[in-house]
Amino acid sequence: MQYWDVFPKSIKVSKNPFGTIVPLSVRGNPRGSVVFESSDAIVASVDTNGTVSLGLSAGSAVITAYDSEDRTSIRYVLVEVTTTATEIAVS
């Protein structure tokens, strides 16, 4: 198995009328083209390049990244949009 991962591992922002964009970074050697999916596109959507758009709606979501179409190797990014004022936290 080859090493690969997606960063940041978690994203936490405050709800805001302008939204927030966070690009995900794939590191290592995935077997194929990485495919991204969001568990809740209203809270956080992700495009084919791994760019996450969030901040318009409060809630939590999980961005799932697969390293190939057979989906045997999976990585996760936890996303939270709060209703209270917090600084952007990316880890």
PDB file of N, CA and C in Angstrom:
ATOM      1  N   MET A   1       0.845  -1.182   0.000  1.00  0.00           N
ATOM      2  CA  MET A   1       0.000   0.000   0.000  1.00  0.00           C
ATOM      3  C   MET A   1       0.888   1.243   0.000  1.00  0.00           C
ATOM      4  N   GLN A   2       0.546   2.203  -0.830  1.00  0.00           N
ATOM      5  CA  GLN A   2       1.300   3.442  -0.911  1.00  0.00           C
ATOM      6  C   GLN A   2       0.742   4.458   0.075  1.00  0.00           C
ATOM      7  N   TYR A   3       1.641   5.302   0.614  1.00  0.00           N
ATOM      8  CA  TYR A   3       1.196   6.354   1.526  1.00  0.00           C
ATOM      9  C   TYR A   3       0.575   7.498   0.736  1.00  0.00           C
ATOM     10  N   TRP A   4      -0.552   7.985   1.235  1.00  0.00           N
ATOM     11  CA  TRP A   4      -1.137   9.222   0.749  1.00  0.00           C
ATOM     12  C   TRP A   4      -2.059   9.755   1.830  1.00  0.00           C
ATOM     13  N   ASP A   5      -2.319  11.048   1.816  1.00  0.00           N
ATOM     14  CA  ASP A   5      -3.222  11.637   2.800  1.00  0.00           C
ATOM     15  C   ASP A   5      -3.753  12.955   2.256  1.00  0.00           C
ATOM     16  N   VAL A   6      -4.753  13.491   2.945  1.00  0.00           N
ATOM     17  CA  VAL A   6      -5.379  14.751   2.566  1.00  0.00           C
ATOM     18  C   VAL A   6      -5.264  15.702   3.745  1.00  0.00           C
ATOM     19  N   PHE A   7      -4.892  16.942   3.468  1.00  0.00           N
ATOM     20  CA  PHE A   7      -4.747  17.960   4.504  1.00  0.00           C
ATOM     21  C   PHE A   7      -5.481  19.225   4.078  1.00  0.00           C
ATOM     22  N   PRO A   8      -6.029  20.003   5.017  1.00  0.00           N
ATOM     23  CA  PRO A   8      -6.010  19.801   6.460  1.00  0.00           C
ATOM     24  C   PRO A   8      -6.938  18.662   6.875  1.00  0.00           C
ATOM     25  N   LYS A   9      -6.754  18.148   8.070  1.00  0.00           N
ATOM     26  CA  LYS A   9      -7.573  17.049   8.583  1.00  0.00           C
ATOM     27  C   LYS A   9      -8.903  17.551   9.136  1.00  0.00           C
ATOM     28  N   SER A  10      -8.953  18.827   9.538  1.00  0.00           N
ATOM     29  CA  SER A  10     -10.205  19.402  10.022  1.00  0.00           C
ATOM     30  C   SER A  10     -10.252  20.887   9.672  1.00  0.00           C
ATOM     31  N   ILE A  11     -11.481  21.380   9.492  1.00  0.00           N
ATOM     32  CA  ILE A  11     -11.717  22.783   9.165  1.00  0.00           C
ATOM     33  C   ILE A  11     -12.857  23.263  10.055  1.00  0.00           C
ATOM     34  N   LYS A  12     -12.652  24.401  10.731  1.00  0.00           N
ATOM     35  CA  LYS A  12     -13.700  24.966  11.573  1.00  0.00           C
ATOM     36  C   LYS A  12     -13.769  26.460  11.307  1.00  0.00           C
ATOM     37  N   VAL A  13     -14.943  26.927  10.895  1.00  0.00           N
ATOM     38  CA  VAL A  13     -15.146  28.346  10.606  1.00  0.00           C
ATOM     39  C   VAL A  13     -16.472  28.800  11.207  1.00  0.00           C
ATOM     40  N   SER A  14     -16.645  30.125  11.289  1.00  0.00           N
ATOM     41  CA  SER A  14     -17.916  30.709  11.697  1.00  0.00           C
ATOM     42  C   SER A  14     -18.802  30.904  10.484  1.00  0.00           C
ATOM     43  N   LYS A  15     -20.098  30.767  10.693  1.00  0.00           N
ATOM     44  CA  LYS A  15     -21.064  31.055   9.641  1.00  0.00           C
ATOM     45  C   LYS A  15     -20.917  32.523   9.260  1.00  0.00           C
ATOM     46  N   ASN A  16     -20.911  32.808   7.949  1.00  0.00           N
ATOM     47  CA  ASN A  16     -20.790  34.193   7.504  1.00  0.00           C
ATOM     48  C   ASN A  16     -21.469  34.346   6.147  1.00  0.00           C
ATOM     49  N   PRO A  17     -21.893  35.557   5.804  1.00  0.00           N
ATOM     50  CA  PRO A  17     -22.646  35.753   4.554  1.00  0.00           C
ATOM     51  C   PRO A  17     -21.806  35.631   3.289  1.00  0.00           C
ATOM     52  N   PHE A  18     -20.492  35.586   3.414  1.00  0.00           N
ATOM     53  CA  PHE A  18     -19.621  35.538   2.245  1.00  0.00           C
ATOM     54  C   PHE A  18     -19.079  34.153   1.958  1.00  0.00           C
ATOM     55  N   GLY A  19     -19.163  33.252   2.951  1.00  0.00           N
ATOM     56  CA  GLY A  19     -18.619  31.912   2.788  1.00  0.00           C
ATOM     57  C   GLY A  19     -17.106  31.914   2.917  1.00  0.00           C
ATOM     58  N   THR A  20     -16.545  30.736   2.946  1.00  0.00           N
ATOM     59  CA  THR A  20     -15.104  30.545   3.086  1.00  0.00           C
ATOM     60  C   THR A  20     -14.681  29.456   2.106  1.00  0.00           C
ATOM     61  N   ILE A  21     -13.515  29.622   1.508  1.00  0.00           N
ATOM     62  CA  ILE A  21     -12.964  28.644   0.576  1.00  0.00           C
ATOM     63  C   ILE A  21     -11.679  28.084   1.191  1.00  0.00           C
ATOM     64  N   VAL A  22     -11.572  26.757   1.247  1.00  0.00           N
ATOM     65  CA  VAL A  22     -10.365  26.102   1.761  1.00  0.00           C
ATOM     66  C   VAL A  22      -9.937  25.030   0.760  1.00  0.00           C
ATOM     67  N   PRO A  23      -8.756  25.171   0.163  1.00  0.00           N
ATOM     68  CA  PRO A  23      -8.273  24.127  -0.747  1.00  0.00           C
ATOM     69  C   PRO A  23      -7.681  22.964   0.036  1.00  0.00           C
ATOM     70  N   LEU A  24      -8.025  21.745  -0.349  1.00  0.00           N
ATOM     71  CA  LEU A  24      -7.427  20.566   0.260  1.00  0.00           C
ATOM     72  C   LEU A  24      -6.154  20.212  -0.504  1.00  0.00           C
ATOM     73  N   SER A  25      -5.200  19.655   0.205  1.00  0.00           N
ATOM     74  CA  SER A  25      -3.928  19.262  -0.381  1.00  0.00           C
ATOM     75  C   SER A  25      -3.765  17.758  -0.276  1.00  0.00           C
ATOM     76  N   VAL A  26      -3.524  17.104  -1.400  1.00  0.00           N
ATOM     77  CA  VAL A  26      -3.257  15.671  -1.413  1.00  0.00           C
ATOM     78  C   VAL A  26      -1.751  15.481  -1.403  1.00  0.00           C
ATOM     79  N   ARG A  27      -1.265  14.702  -0.444  1.00  0.00           N
ATOM     80  CA  ARG A  27       0.167  14.436  -0.339  1.00  0.00           C
ATOM     81  C   ARG A  27       0.422  12.947  -0.447  1.00  0.00           C
ATOM     82  N   GLY A  28       1.602  12.603  -0.916  1.00  0.00           N
ATOM     83  CA  GLY A  28       1.959  11.204  -1.076  1.00  0.00           C
ATOM     84  C   GLY A  28       1.628  10.725  -2.472  1.00  0.00           C
ATOM     85  N   ASN A  29       1.362   9.433  -2.595  1.00  0.00           N
ATOM     86  CA  ASN A  29       1.136   8.817  -3.903  1.00  0.00           C
ATOM     87  C   ASN A  29      -0.154   8.008  -3.932  1.00  0.00           C
ATOM     88  N   PRO A  30      -1.285   8.673  -4.166  1.00  0.00           N
ATOM     89  CA  PRO A  30      -2.523   7.905  -4.314  1.00  0.00           C
ATOM     90  C   PRO A  30      -2.438   7.025  -5.563  1.00  0.00           C
ATOM     91  N   ARG A  31      -3.211   5.949  -5.581  1.00  0.00           N
ATOM     92  CA  ARG A  31      -3.165   5.001  -6.703  1.00  0.00           C
ATOM     93  C   ARG A  31      -3.721   5.584  -7.988  1.00  0.00           C
ATOM     94  N   GLY A  32      -4.638   6.520  -7.859  1.00  0.00           N
ATOM     95  CA  GLY A  32      -5.267   7.103  -9.039  1.00  0.00           C
ATOM     96  C   GLY A  32      -5.665   8.535  -8.755  1.00  0.00           C
ATOM     97  N   SER A  33      -6.607   9.026  -9.533  1.00  0.00           N
ATOM     98  CA  SER A  33      -7.128  10.370  -9.297  1.00  0.00           C
ATOM     99  C   SER A  33      -8.008  10.358  -8.060  1.00  0.00           C
ATOM    100  N   VAL A  34      -7.767  11.293  -7.142  1.00  0.00           N
ATOM    101  CA  VAL A  34      -8.530  11.353  -5.902  1.00  0.00           C
ATOM    102  C   VAL A  34      -9.924  11.917  -6.198  1.00  0.00           C
ATOM    103  N   VAL A  35     -10.932  11.244  -5.639  1.00  0.00           N
ATOM    104  CA  VAL A  35     -12.328  11.647  -5.784  1.00  0.00           C
ATOM    105  C   VAL A  35     -12.807  12.150  -4.422  1.00  0.00           C
ATOM    106  N   PHE A  36     -13.437  13.338  -4.408  1.00  0.00           N
ATOM    107  CA  PHE A  36     -13.910  13.947  -3.162  1.00  0.00           C
ATOM    108  C   PHE A  36     -15.432  13.928  -3.118  1.00  0.00           C
ATOM    109  N   GLU A  37     -15.977  13.717  -1.902  1.00  0.00           N
ATOM    110  CA  GLU A  37     -17.428  13.778  -1.686  1.00  0.00           C
ATOM    111  C   GLU A  37     -17.703  14.441  -0.345  1.00  0.00           C
ATOM    112  N   SER A  38     -18.836  15.120  -0.236  1.00  0.00           N
ATOM    113  CA  SER A  38     -19.251  15.735   1.017  1.00  0.00           C
ATOM    114  C   SER A  38     -20.463  14.992   1.570  1.00  0.00           C
ATOM    115  N   SER A  39     -20.486  14.823   2.889  1.00  0.00           N
ATOM    116  CA  SER A  39     -21.645  14.179   3.518  1.00  0.00           C
ATOM    117  C   SER A  39     -22.833  15.132   3.598  1.00  0.00           C
ATOM    118  N   ASP A  40     -22.596  16.449   3.506  1.00  0.00           N
ATOM    119  CA  ASP A  40     -23.668  17.439   3.559  1.00  0.00           C
ATOM    120  C   ASP A  40     -23.238  18.663   2.752  1.00  0.00           C
ATOM    121  N   ALA A  41     -23.646  18.715   1.496  1.00  0.00           N
ATOM    122  CA  ALA A  41     -23.218  19.793   0.598  1.00  0.00           C
ATOM    123  C   ALA A  41     -23.786  21.153   0.993  1.00  0.00           C
ATOM    124  N   ILE A  42     -24.829  21.185   1.825  1.00  0.00           N
ATOM    125  CA  ILE A  42     -25.355  22.471   2.293  1.00  0.00           C
ATOM    126  C   ILE A  42     -24.381  23.104   3.281  1.00  0.00           C
ATOM    127  N   VAL A  43     -23.738  22.295   4.105  1.00  0.00           N
ATOM    128  CA  VAL A  43     -22.747  22.789   5.068  1.00  0.00           C
ATOM    129  C   VAL A  43     -21.403  23.012   4.390  1.00  0.00           C
ATOM    130  N   ALA A  44     -20.952  22.042   3.609  1.00  0.00           N
ATOM    131  CA  ALA A  44     -19.653  22.129   2.939  1.00  0.00           C
ATOM    132  C   ALA A  44     -19.702  21.347   1.638  1.00  0.00           C
ATOM    133  N   SER A  45     -19.465  22.034   0.541  1.00  0.00           N
ATOM    134  CA  SER A  45     -19.385  21.347  -0.745  1.00  0.00           C
ATOM    135  C   SER A  45     -17.914  21.250  -1.140  1.00  0.00           C
ATOM    136  N   VAL A  46     -17.600  20.291  -1.995  1.00  0.00           N
ATOM    137  CA  VAL A  46     -16.218  20.107  -2.453  1.00  0.00           C
ATOM    138  C   VAL A  46     -16.250  19.822  -3.948  1.00  0.00           C
ATOM    139  N   ASP A  47     -15.341  20.481  -4.688  1.00  0.00           N
ATOM    140  CA  ASP A  47     -15.302  20.241  -6.118  1.00  0.00           C
ATOM    141  C   ASP A  47     -14.295  19.145  -6.464  1.00  0.00           C
ATOM    142  N   THR A  48     -14.149  18.855  -7.739  1.00  0.00           N
ATOM    143  CA  THR A  48     -13.277  17.763  -8.171  1.00  0.00           C
ATOM    144  C   THR A  48     -11.808  18.032  -7.892  1.00  0.00           C
ATOM    145  N   ASN A  49     -11.438  19.299  -7.676  1.00  0.00           N
ATOM    146  CA  ASN A  49     -10.054  19.649  -7.358  1.00  0.00           C
ATOM    147  C   ASN A  49      -9.766  19.626  -5.859  1.00  0.00           C
ATOM    148  N   GLY A  50     -10.800  19.377  -5.031  1.00  0.00           N
ATOM    149  CA  GLY A  50     -10.607  19.359  -3.590  1.00  0.00           C
ATOM    150  C   GLY A  50     -10.735  20.719  -2.944  1.00  0.00           C
ATOM    151  N   THR A  51     -11.435  21.646  -3.587  1.00  0.00           N
ATOM    152  CA  THR A  51     -11.668  22.962  -3.002  1.00  0.00           C
ATOM    153  C   THR A  51     -12.986  22.923  -2.240  1.00  0.00           C
ATOM    154  N   VAL A  52     -12.916  23.203  -0.931  1.00  0.00           N
ATOM    155  CA  VAL A  52     -14.092  23.142  -0.062  1.00  0.00           C
ATOM    156  C   VAL A  52     -14.695  24.541   0.056  1.00  0.00           C
ATOM    157  N   SER A  53     -16.002  24.642  -0.154  1.00  0.00           N
ATOM    158  CA  SER A  53     -16.748  25.884   0.032  1.00  0.00           C
ATOM    159  C   SER A  53     -17.669  25.685   1.220  1.00  0.00           C
ATOM    160  N   LEU A  54     -17.562  26.566   2.218  1.00  0.00           N
ATOM    161  CA  LEU A  54     -18.347  26.407   3.433  1.00  0.00           C
ATOM    162  C   LEU A  54     -18.576  27.753   4.080  1.00  0.00           C
ATOM    163  N   GLY A  55     -19.369  27.778   5.150  1.00  0.00           N
ATOM    164  CA  GLY A  55     -19.560  28.987   5.932  1.00  0.00           C
ATOM    165  C   GLY A  55     -20.909  29.647   5.778  1.00  0.00           C
ATOM    166  N   LEU A  56     -21.688  29.256   4.772  1.00  0.00           N
ATOM    167  CA  LEU A  56     -22.995  29.876   4.574  1.00  0.00           C
ATOM    168  C   LEU A  56     -24.066  29.275   5.478  1.00  0.00           C
ATOM    169  N   SER A  57     -23.912  27.997   5.850  1.00  0.00           N
ATOM    170  CA  SER A  57     -24.873  27.295   6.707  1.00  0.00           C
ATOM    171  C   SER A  57     -24.131  26.620   7.848  1.00  0.00           C
ATOM    172  N   ALA A  58     -24.676  26.744   9.056  1.00  0.00           N
ATOM    173  CA  ALA A  58     -24.062  26.111  10.225  1.00  0.00           C
ATOM    174  C   ALA A  58     -24.310  24.606  10.197  1.00  0.00           C
ATOM    175  N   GLY A  59     -23.369  23.864  10.773  1.00  0.00           N
ATOM    176  CA  GLY A  59     -23.516  22.420  10.863  1.00  0.00           C
ATOM    177  C   GLY A  59     -22.185  21.720  10.736  1.00  0.00           C
ATOM    178  N   SER A  60     -22.245  20.406  10.597  1.00  0.00           N
ATOM    179  CA  SER A  60     -21.042  19.583  10.469  1.00  0.00           C
ATOM    180  C   SER A  60     -21.147  18.727   9.215  1.00  0.00           C
ATOM    181  N   ALA A  61     -19.999  18.408   8.657  1.00  0.00           N
ATOM    182  CA  ALA A  61     -19.944  17.537   7.487  1.00  0.00           C
ATOM    183  C   ALA A  61     -18.612  16.811   7.489  1.00  0.00           C
ATOM    184  N   VAL A  62     -18.550  15.772   6.694  1.00  0.00           N
ATOM    185  CA  VAL A  62     -17.308  15.028   6.504  1.00  0.00           C
ATOM    186  C   VAL A  62     -17.013  15.019   5.009  1.00  0.00           C
ATOM    187  N   ILE A  63     -15.803  15.459   4.657  1.00  0.00           N
ATOM    188  CA  ILE A  63     -15.341  15.352   3.284  1.00  0.00           C
ATOM    189  C   ILE A  63     -14.594  14.024   3.193  1.00  0.00           C
ATOM    190  N   THR A  64     -15.015  13.182   2.276  1.00  0.00           N
ATOM    191  CA  THR A  64     -14.385  11.880   2.084  1.00  0.00           C
ATOM    192  C   THR A  64     -13.576  11.926   0.795  1.00  0.00           C
ATOM    193  N   ALA A  65     -12.350  11.418   0.863  1.00  0.00           N
ATOM    194  CA  ALA A  65     -11.479  11.360  -0.312  1.00  0.00           C
ATOM    195  C   ALA A  65     -11.122   9.907  -0.580  1.00  0.00           C
ATOM    196  N   TYR A  66     -11.333   9.475  -1.810  1.00  0.00           N
ATOM    197  CA  TYR A  66     -11.006   8.117  -2.237  1.00  0.00           C
ATOM    198  C   TYR A  66      -9.853   8.212  -3.226  1.00  0.00           C
ATOM    199  N   ASP A  67      -8.898   7.279  -3.143  1.00  0.00           N
ATOM    200  CA  ASP A  67      -7.744   7.371  -4.046  1.00  0.00           C
ATOM    201  C   ASP A  67      -7.934   6.629  -5.362  1.00  0.00           C
ATOM    202  N   SER A  68      -9.099   6.056  -5.568  1.00  0.00           N
ATOM    203  CA  SER A  68      -9.388   5.388  -6.834  1.00  0.00           C
ATOM    204  C   SER A  68     -10.879   5.094  -6.889  1.00  0.00           C
ATOM    205  N   GLU A  69     -11.345   4.697  -8.039  1.00  0.00           N
ATOM    206  CA  GLU A  69     -12.778   4.440  -8.193  1.00  0.00           C
ATOM    207  C   GLU A  69     -13.257   3.222  -7.425  1.00  0.00           C
ATOM    208  N   ASP A  70     -12.351   2.300  -7.053  1.00  0.00           N
ATOM    209  CA  ASP A  70     -12.793   1.128  -6.285  1.00  0.00           C
ATOM    210  C   ASP A  70     -12.985   1.443  -4.800  1.00  0.00           C
ATOM    211  N   ARG A  71     -12.578   2.634  -4.371  1.00  0.00           N
ATOM    212  CA  ARG A  71     -12.844   3.162  -3.022  1.00  0.00           C
ATOM    213  C   ARG A  71     -12.305   2.274  -1.894  1.00  0.00           C
ATOM    214  N   THR A  72     -11.158   1.671  -2.101  1.00  0.00           N
ATOM    215  CA  THR A  72     -10.590   0.829  -1.057  1.00  0.00           C
ATOM    216  C   THR A  72      -9.715   1.609  -0.083  1.00  0.00           C
ATOM    217  N   SER A  73      -9.218   2.765  -0.478  1.00  0.00           N
ATOM    218  CA  SER A  73      -8.378   3.582   0.389  1.00  0.00           C
ATOM    219  C   SER A  73      -9.050   4.935   0.568  1.00  0.00           C
ATOM    220  N   ILE A  74      -9.395   5.270   1.833  1.00  0.00           N
ATOM    221  CA  ILE A  74     -10.232   6.423   2.126  1.00  0.00           C
ATOM    222  C   ILE A  74      -9.555   7.325   3.153  1.00  0.00           C
ATOM    223  N   ARG A  75      -9.708   8.636   2.975  1.00  0.00           N
ATOM    224  CA  ARG A  75      -9.257   9.626   3.950  1.00  0.00           C
ATOM    225  C   ARG A  75     -10.428  10.558   4.243  1.00  0.00           C
ATOM    226  N   TYR A  76     -10.402  11.173   5.446  1.00  0.00           N
ATOM    227  CA  TYR A  76     -11.508  12.024   5.879  1.00  0.00           C
ATOM    228  C   TYR A  76     -11.011  13.396   6.315  1.00  0.00           C
ATOM    229  N   VAL A  77     -11.856  14.418   6.071  1.00  0.00           N
ATOM    230  CA  VAL A  77     -11.631  15.766   6.581  1.00  0.00           C
ATOM    231  C   VAL A  77     -12.900  16.162   7.329  1.00  0.00           C
ATOM    232  N   LEU A  78     -12.771  16.519   8.594  1.00  0.00           N
ATOM    233  CA  LEU A  78     -13.919  16.920   9.404  1.00  0.00           C
ATOM    234  C   LEU A  78     -14.152  18.416   9.228  1.00  0.00           C
ATOM    235  N   VAL A  79     -15.415  18.802   9.034  1.00  0.00           N
ATOM    236  CA  VAL A  79     -15.770  20.195   8.787  1.00  0.00           C
ATOM    237  C   VAL A  79     -16.831  20.620   9.787  1.00  0.00           C
ATOM    238  N   GLU A  80     -16.643  21.821  10.362  1.00  0.00           N
ATOM    239  CA  GLU A  80     -17.644  22.376  11.273  1.00  0.00           C
ATOM    240  C   GLU A  80     -17.812  23.856  10.983  1.00  0.00           C
ATOM    241  N   VAL A  81     -19.073  24.272  10.857  1.00  0.00           N
ATOM    242  CA  VAL A  81     -19.407  25.685  10.707  1.00  0.00           C
ATOM    243  C   VAL A  81     -20.246  26.051  11.925  1.00  0.00           C
ATOM    244  N   THR A  82     -19.734  26.983  12.736  1.00  0.00           N
ATOM    245  CA  THR A  82     -20.414  27.362  13.979  1.00  0.00           C
ATOM    246  C   THR A  82     -21.227  28.636  13.782  1.00  0.00           C
ATOM    247  N   THR A  83     -22.170  28.849  14.675  1.00  0.00           N
ATOM    248  CA  THR A  83     -22.981  30.062  14.619  1.00  0.00           C
ATOM    249  C   THR A  83     -22.384  31.161  15.470  1.00  0.00           C
ATOM    250  N   THR A  84     -21.372  30.858  16.273  1.00  0.00           N
ATOM    251  CA  THR A  84     -20.707  31.863  17.100  1.00  0.00           C
ATOM    252  C   THR A  84     -19.417  32.304  16.442  1.00  0.00           C
ATOM    253  N   ALA A  85     -18.963  33.466  16.776  1.00  0.00           N
ATOM    254  CA  ALA A  85     -17.742  33.998  16.177  1.00  0.00           C
ATOM    255  C   ALA A  85     -16.527  33.217  16.653  1.00  0.00           C
ATOM    256  N   THR A  86     -15.818  32.603  15.723  1.00  0.00           N
ATOM    257  CA  THR A  86     -14.558  31.920  16.015  1.00  0.00           C
ATOM    258  C   THR A  86     -13.595  32.267  14.893  1.00  0.00           C
ATOM    259  N   GLU A  87     -12.336  32.127  15.171  1.00  0.00           N
ATOM    260  CA  GLU A  87     -11.357  32.319  14.122  1.00  0.00           C
ATOM    261  C   GLU A  87     -11.341  31.077  13.235  1.00  0.00           C
ATOM    262  N   ILE A  88     -10.862  31.227  12.026  1.00  0.00           N
ATOM    263  CA  ILE A  88     -10.733  30.071  11.145  1.00  0.00           C
ATOM    264  C   ILE A  88      -9.668  29.143  11.731  1.00  0.00           C
ATOM    265  N   ALA A  89     -10.040  27.891  11.923  1.00  0.00           N
ATOM    266  CA  ALA A  89      -9.096  26.905  12.456  1.00  0.00           C
ATOM    267  C   ALA A  89      -8.949  25.801  11.430  1.00  0.00           C
ATOM    268  N   VAL A  90      -7.732  25.630  10.957  1.00  0.00           N
ATOM    269  CA  VAL A  90      -7.427  24.578   9.990  1.00  0.00           C
ATOM    270  C   VAL A  90      -6.305  23.759  10.564  1.00  0.00           C
ATOM    271  N   SER A  91      -6.533  22.454  10.735  1.00  0.00           N
ATOM    272  CA  SER A  91      -5.474  21.608  11.292  1.00  0.00           C
ATOM    273  C   SER A  91      -5.354  20.320  10.516  1.00  0.00           C
TER     274      SER A  91
END
